[in-house]
Amino acid sequence: METYLKFLNDPNPPTHLAEGELWEYYGGDCYGDISYYAFLLCRFGEASNWTTAMIMADKWSDWDRQNESLTEGMSGYDSLLHWLNVEYVGLYYKQNG
């Protein structure tokens, strides 16, 4: 969360950096760090706050491990997008539809 707070509190965050570079700019590690994926969920607008983003990132991480054959060859970013677009949205509609 410390890295995310640095990002939130920066009045002039660099706009030329890709998401992973931006996370590393604030001292985070974008390789295998679940908080990086929570950061992406916040940036995508999929999570309204850090706590929700961490819960979602944790659920994605569990799903990603259980579906290695499906996500083989995908980056974590691509796997997260797949989970958001297919698995998470489907789960949301199943629970709330």
PDB file of N, CA and C in Angstrom:
ATOM      1  N   MET A   1       0.820  -1.189   0.000  1.00  0.00           N
ATOM      2  CA  MET A   1       0.000   0.000   0.000  1.00  0.00           C
ATOM      3  C   MET A   1       0.866   1.257   0.000  1.00  0.00           C
ATOM      4  N   GLU A   2       2.048   1.149   0.561  1.00  0.00           N
ATOM      5  CA  GLU A   2       2.945   2.307   0.628  1.00  0.00           C
ATOM      6  C   GLU A   2       3.238   2.857  -0.775  1.00  0.00           C
ATOM      7  N   THR A   3       3.493   1.963  -1.721  1.00  0.00           N
ATOM      8  CA  THR A   3       3.772   2.389  -3.087  1.00  0.00           C
ATOM      9  C   THR A   3       2.559   3.092  -3.682  1.00  0.00           C
ATOM     10  N   TYR A   4       1.379   2.535  -3.429  1.00  0.00           N
ATOM     11  CA  TYR A   4       0.145   3.125  -3.952  1.00  0.00           C
ATOM     12  C   TYR A   4      -0.093   4.508  -3.355  1.00  0.00           C
ATOM     13  N   LEU A   5       0.181   4.669  -2.087  1.00  0.00           N
ATOM     14  CA  LEU A   5       0.007   5.982  -1.446  1.00  0.00           C
ATOM     15  C   LEU A   5       0.974   7.011  -2.037  1.00  0.00           C
ATOM     16  N   LYS A   6       2.198   6.583  -2.334  1.00  0.00           N
ATOM     17  CA  LYS A   6       3.156   7.496  -2.975  1.00  0.00           C
ATOM     18  C   LYS A   6       2.603   7.965  -4.312  1.00  0.00           C
ATOM     19  N   PHE A   7       2.000   7.033  -5.057  1.00  0.00           N
ATOM     20  CA  PHE A   7       1.404   7.377  -6.345  1.00  0.00           C
ATOM     21  C   PHE A   7       0.239   8.356  -6.151  1.00  0.00           C
ATOM     22  N   LEU A   8      -0.653   8.053  -5.215  1.00  0.00           N
ATOM     23  CA  LEU A   8      -1.822   8.905  -4.981  1.00  0.00           C
ATOM     24  C   LEU A   8      -1.451  10.307  -4.519  1.00  0.00           C
ATOM     25  N   ASN A   9      -0.395  10.402  -3.734  1.00  0.00           N
ATOM     26  CA  ASN A   9      -0.020  11.685  -3.145  1.00  0.00           C
ATOM     27  C   ASN A   9       0.923  12.511  -4.008  1.00  0.00           C
ATOM     28  N   ASP A  10       1.321  11.993  -5.142  1.00  0.00           N
ATOM     29  CA  ASP A  10       2.219  12.730  -6.032  1.00  0.00           C
ATOM     30  C   ASP A  10       1.380  13.715  -6.854  1.00  0.00           C
ATOM     31  N   PRO A  11       1.608  15.013  -6.689  1.00  0.00           N
ATOM     32  CA  PRO A  11       0.809  15.986  -7.430  1.00  0.00           C
ATOM     33  C   PRO A  11       1.103  15.977  -8.937  1.00  0.00           C
ATOM     34  N   ASN A  12       2.262  15.469  -9.326  1.00  0.00           N
ATOM     35  CA  ASN A  12       2.639  15.427 -10.743  1.00  0.00           C
ATOM     36  C   ASN A  12       3.214  14.064 -11.116  1.00  0.00           C
ATOM     37  N   PRO A  13       2.371  13.022 -11.138  1.00  0.00           N
ATOM     38  CA  PRO A  13       2.921  11.708 -11.498  1.00  0.00           C
ATOM     39  C   PRO A  13       3.396  11.707 -12.944  1.00  0.00           C
ATOM     40  N   PRO A  14       4.482  10.996 -13.239  1.00  0.00           N
ATOM     41  CA  PRO A  14       4.984  10.964 -14.615  1.00  0.00           C
ATOM     42  C   PRO A  14       3.950  10.318 -15.540  1.00  0.00           C
ATOM     43  N   THR A  15       3.704  10.944 -16.651  1.00  0.00           N
ATOM     44  CA  THR A  15       2.684  10.436 -17.575  1.00  0.00           C
ATOM     45  C   THR A  15       3.282   9.623 -18.718  1.00  0.00           C
ATOM     46  N   HIS A  16       4.596   9.626 -18.836  1.00  0.00           N
ATOM     47  CA  HIS A  16       5.243   8.943 -19.956  1.00  0.00           C
ATOM     48  C   HIS A  16       5.583   7.487 -19.653  1.00  0.00           C
ATOM     49  N   LEU A  17       5.345   7.038 -18.431  1.00  0.00           N
ATOM     50  CA  LEU A  17       5.733   5.691 -18.049  1.00  0.00           C
ATOM     51  C   LEU A  17       4.584   4.698 -18.227  1.00  0.00           C
ATOM     52  N   ALA A  18       4.919   3.476 -18.634  1.00  0.00           N
ATOM     53  CA  ALA A  18       3.942   2.392 -18.691  1.00  0.00           C
ATOM     54  C   ALA A  18       3.584   1.999 -17.257  1.00  0.00           C
ATOM     55  N   GLU A  19       2.508   1.232 -17.097  1.00  0.00           N
ATOM     56  CA  GLU A  19       2.025   0.894 -15.752  1.00  0.00           C
ATOM     57  C   GLU A  19       3.105   0.253 -14.879  1.00  0.00           C
ATOM     58  N   GLY A  20       3.822  -0.733 -15.423  1.00  0.00           N
ATOM     59  CA  GLY A  20       4.856  -1.403 -14.645  1.00  0.00           C
ATOM     60  C   GLY A  20       5.991  -0.465 -14.279  1.00  0.00           C
ATOM     61  N   GLU A  21       6.384   0.391 -15.215  1.00  0.00           N
ATOM     62  CA  GLU A  21       7.445   1.368 -14.944  1.00  0.00           C
ATOM     63  C   GLU A  21       6.994   2.381 -13.901  1.00  0.00           C
ATOM     64  N   LEU A  22       5.719   2.761 -13.964  1.00  0.00           N
ATOM     65  CA  LEU A  22       5.175   3.706 -13.000  1.00  0.00           C
ATOM     66  C   LEU A  22       5.205   3.111 -11.594  1.00  0.00           C
ATOM     67  N   TRP A  23       4.796   1.853 -11.480  1.00  0.00           N
ATOM     68  CA  TRP A  23       4.795   1.178 -10.176  1.00  0.00           C
ATOM     69  C   TRP A  23       6.217   1.101  -9.621  1.00  0.00           C
ATOM     70  N   GLU A  24       7.174   0.770 -10.458  1.00  0.00           N
ATOM     71  CA  GLU A  24       8.567   0.690 -10.027  1.00  0.00           C
ATOM     72  C   GLU A  24       9.132   2.073  -9.694  1.00  0.00           C
ATOM     73  N   TYR A  25       8.677   3.096 -10.386  1.00  0.00           N
ATOM     74  CA  TYR A  25       9.095   4.476 -10.111  1.00  0.00           C
ATOM     75  C   TYR A  25       8.806   4.849  -8.652  1.00  0.00           C
ATOM     76  N   TYR A  26       7.693   4.341  -8.133  1.00  0.00           N
ATOM     77  CA  TYR A  26       7.329   4.627  -6.743  1.00  0.00           C
ATOM     78  C   TYR A  26       7.849   3.581  -5.760  1.00  0.00           C
ATOM     79  N   GLY A  27       8.720   2.713  -6.214  1.00  0.00           N
ATOM     80  CA  GLY A  27       9.390   1.784  -5.308  1.00  0.00           C
ATOM     81  C   GLY A  27       8.793   0.405  -5.226  1.00  0.00           C
ATOM     82  N   GLY A  28       7.816   0.090  -6.069  1.00  0.00           N
ATOM     83  CA  GLY A  28       7.198  -1.227  -6.034  1.00  0.00           C
ATOM     84  C   GLY A  28       7.881  -2.199  -6.966  1.00  0.00           C
ATOM     85  N   ASP A  29       7.473  -3.448  -6.889  1.00  0.00           N
ATOM     86  CA  ASP A  29       7.989  -4.496  -7.764  1.00  0.00           C
ATOM     87  C   ASP A  29       6.806  -5.028  -8.564  1.00  0.00           C
ATOM     88  N   CYS A  30       6.862  -4.961  -9.880  1.00  0.00           N
ATOM     89  CA  CYS A  30       5.716  -5.388 -10.685  1.00  0.00           C
ATOM     90  C   CYS A  30       5.798  -6.850 -11.093  1.00  0.00           C
ATOM     91  N   TYR A  31       6.792  -7.566 -10.634  1.00  0.00           N
ATOM     92  CA  TYR A  31       6.901  -8.983 -10.975  1.00  0.00           C
ATOM     93  C   TYR A  31       6.453  -9.846  -9.807  1.00  0.00           C
ATOM     94  N   GLY A  32       5.233 -10.371  -9.902  1.00  0.00           N
ATOM     95  CA  GLY A  32       4.724 -11.271  -8.887  1.00  0.00           C
ATOM     96  C   GLY A  32       4.231 -10.596  -7.624  1.00  0.00           C
ATOM     97  N   ASP A  33       4.187  -9.281  -7.602  1.00  0.00           N
ATOM     98  CA  ASP A  33       3.730  -8.549  -6.422  1.00  0.00           C
ATOM     99  C   ASP A  33       2.229  -8.321  -6.556  1.00  0.00           C
ATOM    100  N   ILE A  34       1.445  -8.945  -5.684  1.00  0.00           N
ATOM    101  CA  ILE A  34      -0.009  -8.844  -5.796  1.00  0.00           C
ATOM    102  C   ILE A  34      -0.489  -7.402  -5.656  1.00  0.00           C
ATOM    103  N   SER A  35       0.245  -6.589  -4.932  1.00  0.00           N
ATOM    104  CA  SER A  35      -0.177  -5.194  -4.790  1.00  0.00           C
ATOM    105  C   SER A  35      -0.073  -4.447  -6.126  1.00  0.00           C
ATOM    106  N   TYR A  36       0.819  -4.895  -7.012  1.00  0.00           N
ATOM    107  CA  TYR A  36       0.891  -4.294  -8.347  1.00  0.00           C
ATOM    108  C   TYR A  36      -0.407  -4.534  -9.113  1.00  0.00           C
ATOM    109  N   TYR A  37      -0.940  -5.733  -8.983  1.00  0.00           N
ATOM    110  CA  TYR A  37      -2.189  -6.053  -9.673  1.00  0.00           C
ATOM    111  C   TYR A  37      -3.369  -5.316  -9.038  1.00  0.00           C
ATOM    112  N   ALA A  38      -3.307  -5.099  -7.739  1.00  0.00           N
ATOM    113  CA  ALA A  38      -4.323  -4.266  -7.081  1.00  0.00           C
ATOM    114  C   ALA A  38      -4.242  -2.839  -7.617  1.00  0.00           C
ATOM    115  N   PHE A  39      -3.024  -2.360  -7.810  1.00  0.00           N
ATOM    116  CA  PHE A  39      -2.810  -1.033  -8.393  1.00  0.00           C
ATOM    117  C   PHE A  39      -3.447  -0.961  -9.786  1.00  0.00           C
ATOM    118  N   LEU A  40      -3.253  -1.993 -10.599  1.00  0.00           N
ATOM    119  CA  LEU A  40      -3.846  -2.008 -11.934  1.00  0.00           C
ATOM    120  C   LEU A  40      -5.366  -1.968 -11.854  1.00  0.00           C
ATOM    121  N   LEU A  41      -5.932  -2.717 -10.915  1.00  0.00           N
ATOM    122  CA  LEU A  41      -7.389  -2.718 -10.759  1.00  0.00           C
ATOM    123  C   LEU A  41      -7.905  -1.330 -10.402  1.00  0.00           C
ATOM    124  N   CYS A  42      -7.162  -0.618  -9.576  1.00  0.00           N
ATOM    125  CA  CYS A  42      -7.541   0.764  -9.249  1.00  0.00           C
ATOM    126  C   CYS A  42      -7.403   1.645 -10.485  1.00  0.00           C
ATOM    127  N   ARG A  43      -6.323   1.476 -11.219  1.00  0.00           N
ATOM    128  CA  ARG A  43      -6.094   2.285 -12.419  1.00  0.00           C
ATOM    129  C   ARG A  43      -7.139   2.008 -13.501  1.00  0.00           C
ATOM    130  N   PHE A  44      -7.573   0.744 -13.618  1.00  0.00           N
ATOM    131  CA  PHE A  44      -8.608   0.386 -14.591  1.00  0.00           C
ATOM    132  C   PHE A  44      -9.970   0.917 -14.174  1.00  0.00           C
ATOM    133  N   GLY A  45     -10.082   1.319 -12.903  1.00  0.00           N
ATOM    134  CA  GLY A  45     -11.377   1.759 -12.393  1.00  0.00           C
ATOM    135  C   GLY A  45     -12.268   0.597 -11.990  1.00  0.00           C
ATOM    136  N   GLU A  46     -11.679  -0.596 -11.871  1.00  0.00           N
ATOM    137  CA  GLU A  46     -12.451  -1.782 -11.497  1.00  0.00           C
ATOM    138  C   GLU A  46     -12.649  -1.884  -9.990  1.00  0.00           C
ATOM    139  N   ALA A  47     -11.813  -1.206  -9.241  1.00  0.00           N
ATOM    140  CA  ALA A  47     -11.923  -1.230  -7.778  1.00  0.00           C
ATOM    141  C   ALA A  47     -12.036   0.207  -7.281  1.00  0.00           C
ATOM    142  N   SER A  48     -12.918   0.408  -6.345  1.00  0.00           N
ATOM    143  CA  SER A  48     -13.164   1.767  -5.863  1.00  0.00           C
ATOM    144  C   SER A  48     -12.191   2.201  -4.776  1.00  0.00           C
ATOM    145  N   ASN A  49     -11.516   1.227  -4.160  1.00  0.00           N
ATOM    146  CA  ASN A  49     -10.553   1.575  -3.119  1.00  0.00           C
ATOM    147  C   ASN A  49      -9.503   0.469  -3.016  1.00  0.00           C
ATOM    148  N   TRP A  50      -8.486   0.750  -2.219  1.00  0.00           N
ATOM    149  CA  TRP A  50      -7.354  -0.173  -2.122  1.00  0.00           C
ATOM    150  C   TRP A  50      -7.756  -1.515  -1.527  1.00  0.00           C
ATOM    151  N   THR A  51      -8.602  -1.518  -0.520  1.00  0.00           N
ATOM    152  CA  THR A  51      -9.015  -2.772   0.127  1.00  0.00           C
ATOM    153  C   THR A  51      -9.734  -3.670  -0.877  1.00  0.00           C
ATOM    154  N   THR A  52     -10.674  -3.108  -1.607  1.00  0.00           N
ATOM    155  CA  THR A  52     -11.394  -3.876  -2.629  1.00  0.00           C
ATOM    156  C   THR A  52     -10.423  -4.390  -3.693  1.00  0.00           C
ATOM    157  N   ALA A  53      -9.494  -3.550  -4.101  1.00  0.00           N
ATOM    158  CA  ALA A  53      -8.516  -3.951  -5.114  1.00  0.00           C
ATOM    159  C   ALA A  53      -7.661  -5.119  -4.635  1.00  0.00           C
ATOM    160  N   MET A  54      -7.242  -5.097  -3.388  1.00  0.00           N
ATOM    161  CA  MET A  54      -6.425  -6.197  -2.854  1.00  0.00           C
ATOM    162  C   MET A  54      -7.237  -7.485  -2.774  1.00  0.00           C
ATOM    163  N   ILE A  55      -8.506  -7.408  -2.408  1.00  0.00           N
ATOM    164  CA  ILE A  55      -9.367  -8.597  -2.366  1.00  0.00           C
ATOM    165  C   ILE A  55      -9.528  -9.165  -3.770  1.00  0.00           C
ATOM    166  N   MET A  56      -9.785  -8.286  -4.728  1.00  0.00           N
ATOM    167  CA  MET A  56      -9.933  -8.734  -6.117  1.00  0.00           C
ATOM    168  C   MET A  56      -8.631  -9.329  -6.641  1.00  0.00           C
ATOM    169  N   ALA A  57      -7.510  -8.690  -6.349  1.00  0.00           N
ATOM    170  CA  ALA A  57      -6.210  -9.194  -6.813  1.00  0.00           C
ATOM    171  C   ALA A  57      -5.915 -10.556  -6.205  1.00  0.00           C
ATOM    172  N   ASP A  58      -6.298 -10.749  -4.956  1.00  0.00           N
ATOM    173  CA  ASP A  58      -6.102 -12.034  -4.298  1.00  0.00           C
ATOM    174  C   ASP A  58      -6.962 -13.114  -4.964  1.00  0.00           C
ATOM    175  N   LYS A  59      -8.213 -12.772  -5.290  1.00  0.00           N
ATOM    176  CA  LYS A  59      -9.091 -13.730  -5.982  1.00  0.00           C
ATOM    177  C   LYS A  59      -8.537 -14.057  -7.361  1.00  0.00           C
ATOM    178  N   TRP A  60      -8.056 -13.022  -8.062  1.00  0.00           N
ATOM    179  CA  TRP A  60      -7.454 -13.278  -9.375  1.00  0.00           C
ATOM    180  C   TRP A  60      -6.239 -14.189  -9.242  1.00  0.00           C
ATOM    181  N   SER A  61      -5.394 -13.929  -8.254  1.00  0.00           N
ATOM    182  CA  SER A  61      -4.185 -14.717  -8.060  1.00  0.00           C
ATOM    183  C   SER A  61      -4.530 -16.192  -7.831  1.00  0.00           C
ATOM    184  N   ASP A  62      -5.543 -16.456  -7.013  1.00  0.00           N
ATOM    185  CA  ASP A  62      -5.985 -17.840  -6.783  1.00  0.00           C
ATOM    186  C   ASP A  62      -6.483 -18.464  -8.079  1.00  0.00           C
ATOM    187  N   TRP A  63      -7.294 -17.697  -8.808  1.00  0.00           N
ATOM    188  CA  TRP A  63      -7.824 -18.183 -10.086  1.00  0.00           C
ATOM    189  C   TRP A  63      -6.689 -18.464 -11.063  1.00  0.00           C
ATOM    190  N   ASP A  64      -5.714 -17.573 -11.121  1.00  0.00           N
ATOM    191  CA  ASP A  64      -4.586 -17.718 -12.038  1.00  0.00           C
ATOM    192  C   ASP A  64      -3.800 -18.992 -11.747  1.00  0.00           C
ATOM    193  N   ARG A  65      -3.576 -19.270 -10.464  1.00  0.00           N
ATOM    194  CA  ARG A  65      -2.850 -20.494 -10.091  1.00  0.00           C
ATOM    195  C   ARG A  65      -3.644 -21.747 -10.447  1.00  0.00           C
ATOM    196  N   GLN A  66      -4.963 -21.691 -10.285  1.00  0.00           N
ATOM    197  CA  GLN A  66      -5.808 -22.863 -10.554  1.00  0.00           C
ATOM    198  C   GLN A  66      -6.028 -23.097 -12.044  1.00  0.00           C
ATOM    199  N   ASN A  67      -5.757 -22.100 -12.857  1.00  0.00           N
ATOM    200  CA  ASN A  67      -6.011 -22.187 -14.295  1.00  0.00           C
ATOM    201  C   ASN A  67      -4.738 -22.000 -15.105  1.00  0.00           C
ATOM    202  N   GLU A  68      -3.655 -22.594 -14.628  1.00  0.00           N
ATOM    203  CA  GLU A  68      -2.366 -22.424 -15.298  1.00  0.00           C
ATOM    204  C   GLU A  68      -2.413 -22.863 -16.756  1.00  0.00           C
ATOM    205  N   SER A  69      -3.177 -23.923 -17.047  1.00  0.00           N
ATOM    206  CA  SER A  69      -3.239 -24.395 -18.443  1.00  0.00           C
ATOM    207  C   SER A  69      -3.928 -23.367 -19.339  1.00  0.00           C
ATOM    208  N   LEU A  70      -4.888 -22.647 -18.792  1.00  0.00           N
ATOM    209  CA  LEU A  70      -5.597 -21.625 -19.554  1.00  0.00           C
ATOM    210  C   LEU A  70      -4.747 -20.376 -19.759  1.00  0.00           C
ATOM    211  N   THR A  71      -3.952 -20.034 -18.760  1.00  0.00           N
ATOM    212  CA  THR A  71      -3.177 -18.785 -18.810  1.00  0.00           C
ATOM    213  C   THR A  71      -1.723 -19.000 -19.205  1.00  0.00           C
ATOM    214  N   GLU A  72      -1.365 -20.217 -19.577  1.00  0.00           N
ATOM    215  CA  GLU A  72       0.021 -20.505 -19.964  1.00  0.00           C
ATOM    216  C   GLU A  72       0.443 -19.592 -21.111  1.00  0.00           C
ATOM    217  N   GLY A  73       1.564 -18.948 -20.949  1.00  0.00           N
ATOM    218  CA  GLY A  73       2.085 -18.046 -21.962  1.00  0.00           C
ATOM    219  C   GLY A  73       1.570 -16.619 -21.845  1.00  0.00           C
ATOM    220  N   MET A  74       0.586 -16.407 -20.989  1.00  0.00           N
ATOM    221  CA  MET A  74       0.071 -15.049 -20.787  1.00  0.00           C
ATOM    222  C   MET A  74       0.918 -14.327 -19.745  1.00  0.00           C
ATOM    223  N   SER A  75       1.033 -13.030 -19.910  1.00  0.00           N
ATOM    224  CA  SER A  75       1.645 -12.237 -18.844  1.00  0.00           C
ATOM    225  C   SER A  75       0.623 -12.123 -17.718  1.00  0.00           C
ATOM    226  N   GLY A  76       1.080 -11.707 -16.555  1.00  0.00           N
ATOM    227  CA  GLY A  76       0.153 -11.479 -15.452  1.00  0.00           C
ATOM    228  C   GLY A  76      -0.893 -10.446 -15.823  1.00  0.00           C
ATOM    229  N   TYR A  77      -0.476  -9.420 -16.550  1.00  0.00           N
ATOM    230  CA  TYR A  77      -1.380  -8.361 -16.994  1.00  0.00           C
ATOM    231  C   TYR A  77      -2.477  -8.932 -17.899  1.00  0.00           C
ATOM    232  N   ASP A  78      -2.092  -9.768 -18.875  1.00  0.00           N
ATOM    233  CA  ASP A  78      -3.068 -10.368 -19.782  1.00  0.00           C
ATOM    234  C   ASP A  78      -4.003 -11.317 -19.040  1.00  0.00           C
ATOM    235  N   SER A  79      -3.455 -12.070 -18.109  1.00  0.00           N
ATOM    236  CA  SER A  79      -4.275 -12.973 -17.314  1.00  0.00           C
ATOM    237  C   SER A  79      -5.289 -12.188 -16.480  1.00  0.00           C
ATOM    238  N   LEU A  80      -4.842 -11.080 -15.906  1.00  0.00           N
ATOM    239  CA  LEU A  80      -5.740 -10.241 -15.114  1.00  0.00           C
ATOM    240  C   LEU A  80      -6.856  -9.681 -15.990  1.00  0.00           C
ATOM    241  N   LEU A  81      -6.525  -9.224 -17.188  1.00  0.00           N
ATOM    242  CA  LEU A  81      -7.548  -8.712 -18.106  1.00  0.00           C
ATOM    243  C   LEU A  81      -8.538  -9.811 -18.484  1.00  0.00           C
ATOM    244  N   HIS A  82      -8.024 -11.013 -18.742  1.00  0.00           N
ATOM    245  CA  HIS A  82      -8.906 -12.139 -19.067  1.00  0.00           C
ATOM    246  C   HIS A  82      -9.844 -12.418 -17.900  1.00  0.00           C
ATOM    247  N   TRP A  83      -9.299 -12.468 -16.696  1.00  0.00           N
ATOM    248  CA  TRP A  83     -10.108 -12.727 -15.505  1.00  0.00           C
ATOM    249  C   TRP A  83     -11.179 -11.648 -15.341  1.00  0.00           C
ATOM    250  N   LEU A  84     -10.798 -10.405 -15.523  1.00  0.00           N
ATOM    251  CA  LEU A  84     -11.765  -9.308 -15.395  1.00  0.00           C
ATOM    252  C   LEU A  84     -12.870  -9.425 -16.438  1.00  0.00           C
ATOM    253  N   ASN A  85     -12.493  -9.667 -17.677  1.00  0.00           N
ATOM    254  CA  ASN A  85     -13.460  -9.657 -18.776  1.00  0.00           C
ATOM    255  C   ASN A  85     -14.334 -10.899 -18.846  1.00  0.00           C
ATOM    256  N   VAL A  86     -13.815 -12.030 -18.408  1.00  0.00           N
ATOM    257  CA  VAL A  86     -14.558 -13.280 -18.561  1.00  0.00           C
ATOM    258  C   VAL A  86     -15.007 -13.836 -17.219  1.00  0.00           C
ATOM    259  N   GLU A  87     -14.059 -14.148 -16.378  1.00  0.00           N
ATOM    260  CA  GLU A  87     -14.374 -14.837 -15.135  1.00  0.00           C
ATOM    261  C   GLU A  87     -15.052 -13.925 -14.114  1.00  0.00           C
ATOM    262  N   TYR A  88     -14.476 -12.755 -13.855  1.00  0.00           N
ATOM    263  CA  TYR A  88     -15.006 -11.878 -12.820  1.00  0.00           C
ATOM    264  C   TYR A  88     -16.373 -11.322 -13.216  1.00  0.00           C
ATOM    265  N   VAL A  89     -16.519 -10.887 -14.453  1.00  0.00           N
ATOM    266  CA  VAL A  89     -17.796 -10.341 -14.908  1.00  0.00           C
ATOM    267  C   VAL A  89     -18.861 -11.434 -14.870  1.00  0.00           C
ATOM    268  N   GLY A  90     -18.517 -12.641 -15.315  1.00  0.00           N
ATOM    269  CA  GLY A  90     -19.457 -13.755 -15.258  1.00  0.00           C
ATOM    270  C   GLY A  90     -19.867 -14.089 -13.834  1.00  0.00           C
ATOM    271  N   LEU A  91     -18.917 -14.082 -12.922  1.00  0.00           N
ATOM    272  CA  LEU A  91     -19.197 -14.335 -11.508  1.00  0.00           C
ATOM    273  C   LEU A  91     -20.081 -13.243 -10.945  1.00  0.00           C
ATOM    274  N   TYR A  92     -19.798 -12.002 -11.309  1.00  0.00           N
ATOM    275  CA  TYR A  92     -20.582 -10.876 -10.813  1.00  0.00           C
ATOM    276  C   TYR A  92     -22.039 -11.011 -11.254  1.00  0.00           C
ATOM    277  N   TYR A  93     -22.262 -11.311 -12.545  1.00  0.00           N
ATOM    278  CA  TYR A  93     -23.630 -11.418 -13.038  1.00  0.00           C
ATOM    279  C   TYR A  93     -24.353 -12.626 -12.468  1.00  0.00           C
ATOM    280  N   LYS A  94     -23.604 -13.693 -12.229  1.00  0.00           N
ATOM    281  CA  LYS A  94     -24.206 -14.893 -11.645  1.00  0.00           C
ATOM    282  C   LYS A  94     -24.691 -14.591 -10.224  1.00  0.00           C
ATOM    283  N   GLN A  95     -23.893 -13.823  -9.461  1.00  0.00           N
ATOM    284  CA  GLN A  95     -24.248 -13.511  -8.083  1.00  0.00           C
ATOM    285  C   GLN A  95     -25.303 -12.402  -7.989  1.00  0.00           C
ATOM    286  N   ASN A  96     -25.301 -11.483  -8.938  1.00  0.00           N
ATOM    287  CA  ASN A  96     -26.173 -10.308  -8.836  1.00  0.00           C
ATOM    288  C   ASN A  96     -27.249 -10.252  -9.917  1.00  0.00           C
ATOM    289  N   GLY A  97     -27.293 -11.239 -10.782  1.00  0.00           N
ATOM    290  CA  GLY A  97     -28.220 -11.197 -11.917  1.00  0.00           C
ATOM    291  C   GLY A  97     -29.587 -11.733 -11.626  1.00  0.00           C
TER     292      GLY A  97
END
